[in-house]
PDB file of N, CA and C in Angstrom:
ATOM      1  N   MET A   1       0.874  -1.135  -0.016  1.00  0.00           N
ATOM      2  CA  MET A   1      -0.027   0.049   0.011  1.00  0.00           C
ATOM      3  C   MET A   1       0.872   1.227  -0.011  1.00  0.00           C
ATOM      4  N   ASP A   2       0.328   2.287  -0.516  1.00  0.00           N
ATOM      5  CA  ASP A   2       0.986   3.549  -0.708  1.00  0.00           C
ATOM      6  C   ASP A   2       0.764   4.286   0.711  1.00  0.00           C
ATOM      7  N   GLY A   3       1.768   5.099   1.043  1.00  0.00           N
ATOM      8  CA  GLY A   3       1.640   5.909   2.389  1.00  0.00           C
ATOM      9  C   GLY A   3       0.676   6.883   2.375  1.00  0.00           C
ATOM     10  N   ASP A   4       0.326   7.490   1.113  1.00  0.00           N
ATOM     11  CA  ASP A   4      -0.620   8.643   1.013  1.00  0.00           C
ATOM     12  C   ASP A   4      -2.140   8.117   1.016  1.00  0.00           C
ATOM     13  N   VAL A   5      -2.389   6.907   0.877  1.00  0.00           N
ATOM     14  CA  VAL A   5      -3.674   6.462   0.743  1.00  0.00           C
ATOM     15  C   VAL A   5      -4.089   5.492   1.872  1.00  0.00           C
ATOM     16  N   ASP A   6      -5.400   5.989   2.334  1.00  0.00           N
ATOM     17  CA  ASP A   6      -5.905   5.116   3.399  1.00  0.00           C
ATOM     18  C   ASP A   6      -6.939   3.989   2.775  1.00  0.00           C
ATOM     19  N   SER A   7      -6.797   2.750   3.159  1.00  0.00           N
ATOM     20  CA  SER A   7      -7.569   1.712   2.443  1.00  0.00           C
ATOM     21  C   SER A   7      -8.972   1.840   2.562  1.00  0.00           C
ATOM     22  N   ILE A   8      -9.538   2.560   3.611  1.00  0.00           N
ATOM     23  CA  ILE A   8     -11.010   2.570   3.713  1.00  0.00           C
ATOM     24  C   ILE A   8     -11.633   3.884   3.238  1.00  0.00           C
ATOM     25  N   THR A   9     -11.163   5.012   3.480  1.00  0.00           N
ATOM     26  CA  THR A   9     -11.828   6.245   3.099  1.00  0.00           C
ATOM     27  C   THR A   9     -11.175   7.078   1.970  1.00  0.00           C
ATOM     28  N   GLY A  10      -9.980   6.778   1.591  1.00  0.00           N
ATOM     29  CA  GLY A  10      -9.335   7.583   0.513  1.00  0.00           C
ATOM     30  C   GLY A  10      -8.046   8.109   1.167  1.00  0.00           C
ATOM     31  N   THR A  11      -7.671   9.356   0.559  1.00  0.00           N
ATOM     32  CA  THR A  11      -6.391   9.885   0.920  1.00  0.00           C
ATOM     33  C   THR A  11      -6.416  10.528   2.382  1.00  0.00           C
ATOM     34  N   LYS A  12      -5.213  10.733   2.847  1.00  0.00           N
ATOM     35  CA  LYS A  12      -5.107  11.361   4.170  1.00  0.00           C
ATOM     36  C   LYS A  12      -5.533  12.812   4.026  1.00  0.00           C
ATOM     37  N   ALA A  13      -5.219  13.454   2.923  1.00  0.00           N
ATOM     38  CA  ALA A  13      -5.673  14.789   2.745  1.00  0.00           C
ATOM     39  C   ALA A  13      -7.193  14.987   2.907  1.00  0.00           C
ATOM     40  N   ASP A  14      -7.872  13.958   2.276  1.00  0.00           N
ATOM     41  CA  ASP A  14      -9.404  14.056   2.409  1.00  0.00           C
ATOM     42  C   ASP A  14      -9.760  13.942   3.912  1.00  0.00           C
ATOM     43  N   LYS A  15      -9.145  13.137   4.646  1.00  0.00           N
ATOM     44  CA  LYS A  15      -9.556  13.066   6.098  1.00  0.00           C
ATOM     45  C   LYS A  15      -9.193  14.352   6.795  1.00  0.00           C
ATOM     46  N   LYS A  16      -8.103  15.033   6.435  1.00  0.00           N
ATOM     47  CA  LYS A  16      -7.802  16.247   7.063  1.00  0.00           C
ATOM     48  C   LYS A  16      -8.766  17.373   6.727  1.00  0.00           C
ATOM     49  N   ALA A  17      -9.107  17.324   5.355  1.00  0.00           N
ATOM     50  CA  ALA A  17     -10.199  18.315   4.972  1.00  0.00           C
ATOM     51  C   ALA A  17     -11.498  18.147   5.660  1.00  0.00           C
ATOM     52  N   GLU A  18     -11.985  16.952   5.893  1.00  0.00           N
ATOM     53  CA  GLU A  18     -13.217  16.557   6.553  1.00  0.00           C
ATOM     54  C   GLU A  18     -13.104  17.088   7.908  1.00  0.00           C
ATOM     55  N   LYS A  19     -12.020  16.819   8.653  1.00  0.00           N
ATOM     56  CA  LYS A  19     -11.810  17.220  10.014  1.00  0.00           C
ATOM     57  C   LYS A  19     -11.882  18.724  10.098  1.00  0.00           C
ATOM     58  N   LEU A  20     -11.194  19.466   9.161  1.00  0.00           N
ATOM     59  CA  LEU A  20     -11.109  20.841   9.225  1.00  0.00           C
ATOM     60  C   LEU A  20     -12.542  21.349   8.993  1.00  0.00           C
ATOM     61  N   ALA A  21     -13.320  20.855   8.012  1.00  0.00           N
ATOM     62  CA  ALA A  21     -14.727  21.185   7.747  1.00  0.00           C
ATOM     63  C   ALA A  21     -15.566  21.133   9.004  1.00  0.00           C
ATOM     64  N   ARG A  22     -15.408  20.001   9.637  1.00  0.00           N
ATOM     65  CA  ARG A  22     -16.266  19.702  10.915  1.00  0.00           C
ATOM     66  C   ARG A  22     -15.944  20.737  11.905  1.00  0.00           C
ATOM     67  N   LYS A  23     -14.704  21.059  12.090  1.00  0.00           N
ATOM     68  CA  LYS A  23     -14.212  22.012  13.009  1.00  0.00           C
ATOM     69  C   LYS A  23     -14.769  23.410  12.774  1.00  0.00           C
ATOM     70  N   GLN A  24     -14.738  23.688  11.570  1.00  0.00           N
ATOM     71  CA  GLN A  24     -15.199  25.129  11.121  1.00  0.00           C
ATOM     72  C   GLN A  24     -16.797  25.209  11.455  1.00  0.00           C
ATOM     73  N   ALA A  25     -17.431  24.156  11.001  1.00  0.00           N
ATOM     74  CA  ALA A  25     -18.850  24.053  11.246  1.00  0.00           C
ATOM     75  C   ALA A  25     -19.253  24.237  12.669  1.00  0.00           C
ATOM     76  N   LYS A  26     -18.542  23.621  13.584  1.00  0.00           N
ATOM     77  CA  LYS A  26     -18.839  23.618  15.005  1.00  0.00           C
ATOM     78  C   LYS A  26     -18.548  25.198  15.481  1.00  0.00           C
ATOM     79  N   LYS A  27     -17.524  25.839  14.915  1.00  0.00           N
ATOM     80  CA  LYS A  27     -17.226  27.092  15.175  1.00  0.00           C
ATOM     81  C   LYS A  27     -18.270  28.069  14.699  1.00  0.00           C
ATOM     82  N   ARG A  28     -18.902  27.944  13.584  1.00  0.00           N
ATOM     83  CA  ARG A  28     -19.991  28.634  13.055  1.00  0.00           C
ATOM     84  C   ARG A  28     -21.140  28.516  13.872  1.00  0.00           C
ATOM     85  N   ALA A  29     -21.423  27.244  14.226  1.00  0.00           N
ATOM     86  CA  ALA A  29     -22.668  26.983  15.060  1.00  0.00           C
ATOM     87  C   ALA A  29     -22.647  27.718  16.393  1.00  0.00           C
ATOM     88  N   LYS A  30     -21.399  27.746  17.005  1.00  0.00           N
ATOM     89  CA  LYS A  30     -21.222  28.403  18.388  1.00  0.00           C
ATOM     90  C   LYS A  30     -21.489  29.871  18.218  1.00  0.00           C
ATOM     91  N   ARG A  31     -21.047  30.537  17.058  1.00  0.00           N
ATOM     92  CA  ARG A  31     -21.022  31.929  16.790  1.00  0.00           C
ATOM     93  C   ARG A  31     -22.460  32.374  16.669  1.00  0.00           C
ATOM     94  N   PHE A  32     -23.307  31.670  16.004  1.00  0.00           N
ATOM     95  CA  PHE A  32     -24.720  32.046  15.765  1.00  0.00           C
ATOM     96  C   PHE A  32     -25.502  31.895  17.046  1.00  0.00           C
ATOM     97  N   ASP A  33     -25.880  32.906  17.624  1.00  0.00           N
ATOM     98  CA  ASP A  33     -26.732  32.896  18.918  1.00  0.00           C
ATOM     99  C   ASP A  33     -27.761  34.034  18.839  1.00  0.00           C
ATOM    100  N   PRO A  34     -28.893  33.674  18.163  1.00  0.00           N
ATOM    101  CA  PRO A  34     -29.962  34.833  18.065  1.00  0.00           C
ATOM    102  C   PRO A  34     -30.589  34.951  19.447  1.00  0.00           C
ATOM    103  N   GLU A  35     -30.929  36.272  19.743  1.00  0.00           N
ATOM    104  CA  GLU A  35     -31.517  36.547  20.937  1.00  0.00           C
ATOM    105  C   GLU A  35     -33.018  36.884  20.748  1.00  0.00           C
ATOM    106  N   ASP A  36     -33.833  36.403  21.478  1.00  0.00           N
ATOM    107  CA  ASP A  36     -35.336  36.519  21.487  1.00  0.00           C
ATOM    108  C   ASP A  36     -35.707  37.588  22.439  1.00  0.00           C
ATOM    109  N   ASP A  37     -36.263  38.752  22.008  1.00  0.00           N
ATOM    110  CA  ASP A  37     -36.517  39.791  23.012  1.00  0.00           C
ATOM    111  C   ASP A  37     -37.951  39.697  23.324  1.00  0.00           C
ATOM    112  N   GLY A  38     -38.740  38.775  22.839  1.00  0.00           N
ATOM    113  CA  GLY A  38     -40.192  38.599  23.163  1.00  0.00           C
ATOM    114  C   GLY A  38     -41.208  39.275  22.445  1.00  0.00           C
ATOM    115  N   ARG A  39     -40.769  40.240  21.591  1.00  0.00           N
ATOM    116  CA  ARG A  39     -41.741  40.976  20.791  1.00  0.00           C
ATOM    117  C   ARG A  39     -42.302  40.221  19.640  1.00  0.00           C
ATOM    118  N   VAL A  40     -43.660  40.378  19.301  1.00  0.00           N
ATOM    119  CA  VAL A  40     -44.226  39.683  18.192  1.00  0.00           C
ATOM    120  C   VAL A  40     -44.226  40.621  16.996  1.00  0.00           C
ATOM    121  N   ILE A  41     -43.428  40.210  15.992  1.00  0.00           N
ATOM    122  CA  ILE A  41     -43.399  41.020  14.820  1.00  0.00           C
ATOM    123  C   ILE A  41     -44.677  40.866  13.896  1.00  0.00           C
ATOM    124  N   ALA A  42     -44.886  39.665  13.571  1.00  0.00           N
ATOM    125  CA  ALA A  42     -46.023  39.248  12.764  1.00  0.00           C
ATOM    126  C   ALA A  42     -46.755  38.104  13.554  1.00  0.00           C
ATOM    127  N   ASN A  43     -48.115  38.364  13.991  1.00  0.00           N
ATOM    128  CA  ASN A  43     -48.806  37.256  14.847  1.00  0.00           C
ATOM    129  C   ASN A  43     -49.296  36.351  13.779  1.00  0.00           C
ATOM    130  N   MET A  44     -48.885  35.029  13.957  1.00  0.00           N
ATOM    131  CA  MET A  44     -49.290  33.998  12.976  1.00  0.00           C
ATOM    132  C   MET A  44     -50.621  33.302  13.679  1.00  0.00           C
ATOM    133  N   ASN A  45     -51.226  33.777  14.692  1.00  0.00           N
ATOM    134  CA  ASN A  45     -52.411  33.141  15.301  1.00  0.00           C
ATOM    135  C   ASN A  45     -53.608  33.622  14.508  1.00  0.00           C
ATOM    136  N   VAL A  46     -53.926  32.968  13.300  1.00  0.00           N
ATOM    137  CA  VAL A  46     -54.939  33.406  12.429  1.00  0.00           C
ATOM    138  C   VAL A  46     -56.052  32.415  12.493  1.00  0.00           C
ATOM    139  N   ASP A  47     -57.304  33.026  12.451  1.00  0.00           N
ATOM    140  CA  ASP A  47     -58.454  32.192  12.477  1.00  0.00           C
ATOM    141  C   ASP A  47     -58.638  31.285  11.372  1.00  0.00           C
ATOM    142  N   GLY A  48     -59.078  30.022  11.654  1.00  0.00           N
ATOM    143  CA  GLY A  48     -59.123  29.023  10.580  1.00  0.00           C
ATOM    144  C   GLY A  48     -57.903  28.124  10.361  1.00  0.00           C
ATOM    145  N   MET A  49     -56.819  28.468  10.962  1.00  0.00           N
ATOM    146  CA  MET A  49     -55.705  27.726  10.841  1.00  0.00           C
ATOM    147  C   MET A  49     -55.650  26.664  11.944  1.00  0.00           C
ATOM    148  N   PRO A  50     -55.048  25.522  11.732  1.00  0.00           N
ATOM    149  CA  PRO A  50     -54.996  24.450  12.674  1.00  0.00           C
ATOM    150  C   PRO A  50     -54.356  24.841  13.879  1.00  0.00           C
ATOM    151  N   TRP A  51     -53.333  25.767  14.012  1.00  0.00           N
ATOM    152  CA  TRP A  51     -52.672  26.141  15.120  1.00  0.00           C
ATOM    153  C   TRP A  51     -53.350  27.299  15.924  1.00  0.00           C
ATOM    154  N   HIS A  52     -54.494  27.730  15.515  1.00  0.00           N
ATOM    155  CA  HIS A  52     -55.202  28.919  16.114  1.00  0.00           C
ATOM    156  C   HIS A  52     -55.496  28.652  17.598  1.00  0.00           C
ATOM    157  N   ASN A  53     -55.083  29.606  18.401  1.00  0.00           N
ATOM    158  CA  ASN A  53     -55.358  29.571  19.755  1.00  0.00           C
ATOM    159  C   ASN A  53     -55.971  30.813  20.120  1.00  0.00           C
ATOM    160  N   PRO A  54     -57.251  30.873  20.407  1.00  0.00           N
ATOM    161  CA  PRO A  54     -57.916  32.217  20.827  1.00  0.00           C
ATOM    162  C   PRO A  54     -57.407  32.816  22.078  1.00  0.00           C
ATOM    163  N   LEU A  55     -56.775  31.958  22.903  1.00  0.00           N
ATOM    164  CA  LEU A  55     -56.287  32.520  24.214  1.00  0.00           C
ATOM    165  C   LEU A  55     -54.761  32.519  24.239  1.00  0.00           C
ATOM    166  N   SER A  56     -54.244  32.939  23.085  1.00  0.00           N
ATOM    167  CA  SER A  56     -52.830  33.084  22.927  1.00  0.00           C
ATOM    168  C   SER A  56     -52.211  34.113  23.871  1.00  0.00           C
ATOM    169  N   GLU A  57     -51.123  33.902  24.406  1.00  0.00           N
ATOM    170  CA  GLU A  57     -50.399  34.837  25.293  1.00  0.00           C
ATOM    171  C   GLU A  57     -49.929  36.025  24.475  1.00  0.00           C
ATOM    172  N   ALA A  58     -49.565  35.921  23.199  1.00  0.00           N
ATOM    173  CA  ALA A  58     -49.049  37.065  22.459  1.00  0.00           C
ATOM    174  C   ALA A  58     -50.105  38.058  22.201  1.00  0.00           C
ATOM    175  N   ALA A  59     -51.485  37.510  21.999  1.00  0.00           N
ATOM    176  CA  ALA A  59     -52.391  38.344  21.627  1.00  0.00           C
ATOM    177  C   ALA A  59     -53.247  39.037  22.891  1.00  0.00           C
ATOM    178  N   ALA A  60     -52.708  38.686  24.105  1.00  0.00           N
ATOM    179  CA  ALA A  60     -53.265  39.285  25.322  1.00  0.00           C
ATOM    180  C   ALA A  60     -53.043  40.724  25.405  1.00  0.00           C
ATOM    181  N   PRO A  61     -53.983  41.571  25.904  1.00  0.00           N
ATOM    182  CA  PRO A  61     -53.891  42.918  25.998  1.00  0.00           C
ATOM    183  C   PRO A  61     -52.703  43.534  26.908  1.00  0.00           C
ATOM    184  N   GLU A  62     -52.479  42.666  27.923  1.00  0.00           N
ATOM    185  CA  GLU A  62     -51.438  43.096  28.873  1.00  0.00           C
ATOM    186  C   GLU A  62     -50.061  43.019  28.243  1.00  0.00           C
ATOM    187  N   ASN A  63     -49.857  41.998  27.341  1.00  0.00           N
ATOM    188  CA  ASN A  63     -48.542  41.911  26.623  1.00  0.00           C
ATOM    189  C   ASN A  63     -48.502  42.976  25.584  1.00  0.00           C
ATOM    190  N   ALA A  64     -49.533  43.473  24.945  1.00  0.00           N
ATOM    191  CA  ALA A  64     -49.500  44.499  24.106  1.00  0.00           C
ATOM    192  C   ALA A  64     -48.955  45.801  24.740  1.00  0.00           C
ATOM    193  N   GLU A  65     -49.435  46.072  26.044  1.00  0.00           N
ATOM    194  CA  GLU A  65     -48.987  47.210  26.828  1.00  0.00           C
ATOM    195  C   GLU A  65     -47.584  47.110  26.979  1.00  0.00           C
ATOM    196  N   GLN A  66     -47.109  45.873  27.398  1.00  0.00           N
ATOM    197  CA  GLN A  66     -45.568  45.748  27.718  1.00  0.00           C
ATOM    198  C   GLN A  66     -44.741  46.053  26.353  1.00  0.00           C
ATOM    199  N   ASN A  67     -45.306  45.568  25.319  1.00  0.00           N
ATOM    200  CA  ASN A  67     -44.538  45.723  23.960  1.00  0.00           C
ATOM    201  C   ASN A  67     -44.361  47.233  23.599  1.00  0.00           C
ATOM    202  N   ARG A  68     -45.532  48.038  23.921  1.00  0.00           N
ATOM    203  CA  ARG A  68     -45.490  49.447  23.716  1.00  0.00           C
ATOM    204  C   ARG A  68     -44.613  50.217  24.535  1.00  0.00           C
ATOM    205  N   GLU A  69     -44.471  49.710  25.875  1.00  0.00           N
ATOM    206  CA  GLU A  69     -43.604  50.404  26.665  1.00  0.00           C
ATOM    207  C   GLU A  69     -42.102  50.138  26.344  1.00  0.00           C
ATOM    208  N   LYS A  70     -41.797  48.863  25.823  1.00  0.00           N
ATOM    209  CA  LYS A  70     -40.607  48.640  25.415  1.00  0.00           C
ATOM    210  C   LYS A  70     -40.019  49.540  24.212  1.00  0.00           C
ATOM    211  N   LEU A  71     -40.944  49.716  23.322  1.00  0.00           N
ATOM    212  CA  LEU A  71     -40.645  50.602  22.134  1.00  0.00           C
ATOM    213  C   LEU A  71     -40.389  52.073  22.607  1.00  0.00           C
ATOM    214  N   GLY A  72     -41.104  52.508  23.546  1.00  0.00           N
ATOM    215  CA  GLY A  72     -40.904  53.874  24.025  1.00  0.00           C
ATOM    216  C   GLY A  72     -41.669  54.901  23.220  1.00  0.00           C
ATOM    217  N   GLU A  73     -41.451  56.180  23.625  1.00  0.00           N
ATOM    218  CA  GLU A  73     -42.137  57.261  22.963  1.00  0.00           C
ATOM    219  C   GLU A  73     -41.267  57.844  21.735  1.00  0.00           C
ATOM    220  N   LEU A  74     -41.864  58.413  20.773  1.00  0.00           N
ATOM    221  CA  LEU A  74     -41.165  59.018  19.692  1.00  0.00           C
ATOM    222  C   LEU A  74     -40.806  60.430  20.204  1.00  0.00           C
ATOM    223  N   GLY A  75     -39.578  60.811  19.825  1.00  0.00           N
ATOM    224  CA  GLY A  75     -39.068  62.162  20.163  1.00  0.00           C
ATOM    225  C   GLY A  75     -39.781  63.215  19.309  1.00  0.00           C
ATOM    226  N   ARG A  76     -39.540  64.422  19.589  1.00  0.00           N
ATOM    227  CA  ARG A  76     -40.136  65.588  18.912  1.00  0.00           C
ATOM    228  C   ARG A  76     -39.603  65.514  17.360  1.00  0.00           C
ATOM    229  N   LYS A  77     -38.311  65.367  17.208  1.00  0.00           N
ATOM    230  CA  LYS A  77     -37.789  65.333  15.839  1.00  0.00           C
ATOM    231  C   LYS A  77     -38.329  64.074  15.075  1.00  0.00           C
ATOM    232  N   GLN A  78     -38.432  62.908  15.591  1.00  0.00           N
ATOM    233  CA  GLN A  78     -38.942  61.774  14.998  1.00  0.00           C
ATOM    234  C   GLN A  78     -40.340  61.831  14.727  1.00  0.00           C
ATOM    235  N   THR A  79     -41.146  62.559  15.488  1.00  0.00           N
ATOM    236  CA  THR A  79     -42.572  62.858  15.227  1.00  0.00           C
ATOM    237  C   THR A  79     -42.743  63.756  14.023  1.00  0.00           C
ATOM    238  N   LEU A  80     -41.873  64.651  13.971  1.00  0.00           N
ATOM    239  CA  LEU A  80     -41.976  65.706  12.958  1.00  0.00           C
ATOM    240  C   LEU A  80     -41.630  64.972  11.591  1.00  0.00           C
ATOM    241  N   PHE A  81     -40.533  64.134  11.588  1.00  0.00           N
ATOM    242  CA  PHE A  81     -40.169  63.433  10.286  1.00  0.00           C
ATOM    243  C   PHE A  81     -41.321  62.431   9.875  1.00  0.00           C
ATOM    244  N   LEU A  82     -41.857  61.832  10.937  1.00  0.00           N
ATOM    245  CA  LEU A  82     -43.042  60.852  10.603  1.00  0.00           C
ATOM    246  C   LEU A  82     -44.192  61.603   9.886  1.00  0.00           C
ATOM    247  N   ILE A  83     -44.607  62.741  10.424  1.00  0.00           N
ATOM    248  CA  ILE A  83     -45.628  63.563   9.808  1.00  0.00           C
ATOM    249  C   ILE A  83     -45.356  63.965   8.509  1.00  0.00           C
ATOM    250  N   LEU A  84     -44.141  64.588   8.317  1.00  0.00           N
ATOM    251  CA  LEU A  84     -43.718  65.063   7.066  1.00  0.00           C
ATOM    252  C   LEU A  84     -43.669  63.848   5.958  1.00  0.00           C
ATOM    253  N   GLY A  85     -43.151  62.758   6.349  1.00  0.00           N
ATOM    254  CA  GLY A  85     -43.174  61.618   5.475  1.00  0.00           C
ATOM    255  C   GLY A  85     -44.663  61.057   5.052  1.00  0.00           C
ATOM    256  N   VAL A  86     -45.451  61.117   6.001  1.00  0.00           N
ATOM    257  CA  VAL A  86     -46.876  60.870   5.602  1.00  0.00           C
ATOM    258  C   VAL A  86     -47.575  61.779   4.729  1.00  0.00           C
ATOM    259  N   VAL A  87     -47.340  63.075   5.061  1.00  0.00           N
ATOM    260  CA  VAL A  87     -47.909  64.066   4.228  1.00  0.00           C
ATOM    261  C   VAL A  87     -47.280  64.087   2.861  1.00  0.00           C
ATOM    262  N   GLY A  88     -45.957  63.794   2.841  1.00  0.00           N
ATOM    263  CA  GLY A  88     -45.345  63.795   1.505  1.00  0.00           C
ATOM    264  C   GLY A  88     -45.810  62.673   0.586  1.00  0.00           C
ATOM    265  N   ALA A  89     -46.138  61.479   1.226  1.00  0.00           N
ATOM    266  CA  ALA A  89     -46.487  60.341   0.545  1.00  0.00           C
ATOM    267  C   ALA A  89     -47.942  60.631   0.003  1.00  0.00           C
ATOM    268  N   ALA A  90     -48.764  61.286   0.891  1.00  0.00           N
ATOM    269  CA  ALA A  90     -50.174  61.593   0.397  1.00  0.00           C
ATOM    270  C   ALA A  90     -50.196  62.616  -0.765  1.00  0.00           C
ATOM    271  N   LEU A  91     -49.283  63.533  -0.654  1.00  0.00           N
ATOM    272  CA  LEU A  91     -49.301  64.610  -1.666  1.00  0.00           C
ATOM    273  C   LEU A  91     -48.656  63.908  -3.052  1.00  0.00           C
ATOM    274  N   ALA A  92     -47.833  62.985  -2.988  1.00  0.00           N
ATOM    275  CA  ALA A  92     -47.320  62.328  -4.146  1.00  0.00           C
ATOM    276  C   ALA A  92     -48.466  61.486  -4.763  1.00  0.00           C
ATOM    277  N   VAL A  93     -49.189  60.805  -4.055  1.00  0.00           N
ATOM    278  CA  VAL A  93     -50.385  60.062  -4.543  1.00  0.00           C
ATOM    279  C   VAL A  93     -51.391  61.081  -5.094  1.00  0.00           C
ATOM    280  N   ALA A  94     -51.675  62.130  -4.465  1.00  0.00           N
ATOM    281  CA  ALA A  94     -52.648  63.137  -5.094  1.00  0.00           C
ATOM    282  C   ALA A  94     -52.119  63.751  -6.286  1.00  0.00           C
ATOM    283  N   ALA A  95     -50.777  64.033  -6.501  1.00  0.00           N
ATOM    284  CA  ALA A  95     -50.291  64.571  -7.588  1.00  0.00           C
ATOM    285  C   ALA A  95     -50.316  63.639  -8.730  1.00  0.00           C
ATOM    286  N   VAL A  96     -50.186  62.342  -8.581  1.00  0.00           N
ATOM    287  CA  VAL A  96     -50.415  61.363  -9.623  1.00  0.00           C
ATOM    288  C   VAL A  96     -51.829  61.407 -10.162  1.00  0.00           C
ATOM    289  N   PHE A  97     -52.770  61.445  -9.205  1.00  0.00           N
ATOM    290  CA  PHE A  97     -54.228  61.422  -9.675  1.00  0.00           C
ATOM    291  C   PHE A  97     -54.531  62.729 -10.431  1.00  0.00           C
ATOM    292  N   VAL A  98     -53.969  63.948  -9.932  1.00  0.00           N
ATOM    293  CA  VAL A  98     -54.215  65.127 -10.665  1.00  0.00           C
ATOM    294  C   VAL A  98     -53.641  65.124 -12.128  1.00  0.00           C
ATOM    295  N   VAL A  99     -52.408  64.652 -12.231  1.00  0.00           N
ATOM    296  CA  VAL A  99     -51.798  64.554 -13.599  1.00  0.00           C
ATOM    297  C   VAL A  99     -52.539  63.646 -14.566  1.00  0.00           C
ATOM    298  N   ILE A 100     -53.101  62.455 -13.938  1.00  0.00           N
ATOM    299  CA  ILE A 100     -53.811  61.631 -14.830  1.00  0.00           C
ATOM    300  C   ILE A 100     -55.169  62.308 -15.137  1.00  0.00           C
ATOM    301  N   TYR A 101     -55.808  63.045 -14.278  1.00  0.00           N
ATOM    302  CA  TYR A 101     -57.104  63.758 -14.611  1.00  0.00           C
ATOM    303  C   TYR A 101     -56.823  64.812 -15.626  1.00  0.00           C
ATOM    304  N   LEU A 102     -55.678  65.511 -15.538  1.00  0.00           N
ATOM    305  CA  LEU A 102     -55.426  66.588 -16.471  1.00  0.00           C
ATOM    306  C   LEU A 102     -55.104  66.013 -17.905  1.00  0.00           C
ATOM    307  N   LEU A 103     -54.428  64.927 -17.921  1.00  0.00           N
ATOM    308  CA  LEU A 103     -54.196  64.168 -19.164  1.00  0.00           C
ATOM    309  C   LEU A 103     -55.433  63.680 -19.842  1.00  0.00           C
ATOM    310  N   PHE A 104     -56.355  63.218 -19.027  1.00  0.00           N
ATOM    311  CA  PHE A 104     -57.632  62.774 -19.575  1.00  0.00           C
ATOM    312  C   PHE A 104     -58.270  64.039 -20.207  1.00  0.00           C
ATOM    313  N   ILE A 105     -58.475  65.103 -19.489  1.00  0.00           N
ATOM    314  CA  ILE A 105     -59.094  66.313 -20.016  1.00  0.00           C
ATOM    315  C   ILE A 105     -58.484  66.800 -21.431  1.00  0.00           C
ATOM    316  N   LEU A 106     -57.118  66.728 -21.404  1.00  0.00           N
ATOM    317  CA  LEU A 106     -56.470  67.100 -22.613  1.00  0.00           C
ATOM    318  C   LEU A 106     -56.765  66.130 -23.807  1.00  0.00           C
ATOM    319  N   PHE A 107     -56.788  64.753 -23.452  1.00  0.00           N
ATOM    320  CA  PHE A 107     -57.154  63.812 -24.470  1.00  0.00           C
ATOM    321  C   PHE A 107     -58.604  63.964 -24.894  1.00  0.00           C
ATOM    322  N   CYS A 108     -59.458  64.369 -23.972  1.00  0.00           N
ATOM    323  CA  CYS A 108     -60.803  64.548 -24.444  1.00  0.00           C
ATOM    324  C   CYS A 108     -60.961  65.779 -25.395  1.00  0.00           C
ATOM    325  N   ASN A 109     -60.238  66.906 -25.052  1.00  0.00           N
ATOM    326  CA  ASN A 109     -60.328  68.209 -25.879  1.00  0.00           C
ATOM    327  C   ASN A 109     -59.747  67.994 -27.239  1.00  0.00           C
ATOM    328  N   TYR A 110     -58.554  67.472 -27.242  1.00  0.00           N
ATOM    329  CA  TYR A 110     -57.721  67.551 -28.504  1.00  0.00           C
ATOM    330  C   TYR A 110     -57.913  66.201 -29.384  1.00  0.00           C
ATOM    331  N   VAL A 111     -58.421  65.117 -28.827  1.00  0.00           N
ATOM    332  CA  VAL A 111     -58.472  63.859 -29.586  1.00  0.00           C
ATOM    333  C   VAL A 111     -59.818  63.387 -29.766  1.00  0.00           C
ATOM    334  N   TRP A 112     -60.537  63.222 -28.645  1.00  0.00           N
ATOM    335  CA  TRP A 112     -61.876  62.489 -28.587  1.00  0.00           C
ATOM    336  C   TRP A 112     -62.988  63.578 -29.151  1.00  0.00           C
ATOM    337  N   PHE A 113     -63.054  64.720 -28.780  1.00  0.00           N
ATOM    338  CA  PHE A 113     -64.062  65.628 -29.098  1.00  0.00           C
ATOM    339  C   PHE A 113     -63.782  66.418 -30.409  1.00  0.00           C
ATOM    340  N   LYS A 114     -62.693  66.175 -31.008  1.00  0.00           N
ATOM    341  CA  LYS A 114     -62.365  66.968 -32.268  1.00  0.00           C
ATOM    342  C   LYS A 114     -63.022  66.493 -33.413  1.00  0.00           C
TER     343      LYS A 114
END
């Protein structure tokens, strides 16, 4: 037998590569540690689904109050930016409707009624 070949699994280099890959996988598994802060981002407790629980802890009103307290209040600057963003979005949508309406009037005057 050759010194570089293992009779069962192949070369010694393959064994070393497998060992290194397992070691790196364990290291990655240890590094990933997600933290659960208890907030509900999207409640999946939907009527009609097999897992629906009407007495769910996440849907309880006392937990909703706790979640609101965790988020805190918006500051003056954040509130201003929130209002300006909402008003800006509404004005953008209104402008699109006005432009479409004006284009329709122009179409009627110069193409349809001519």
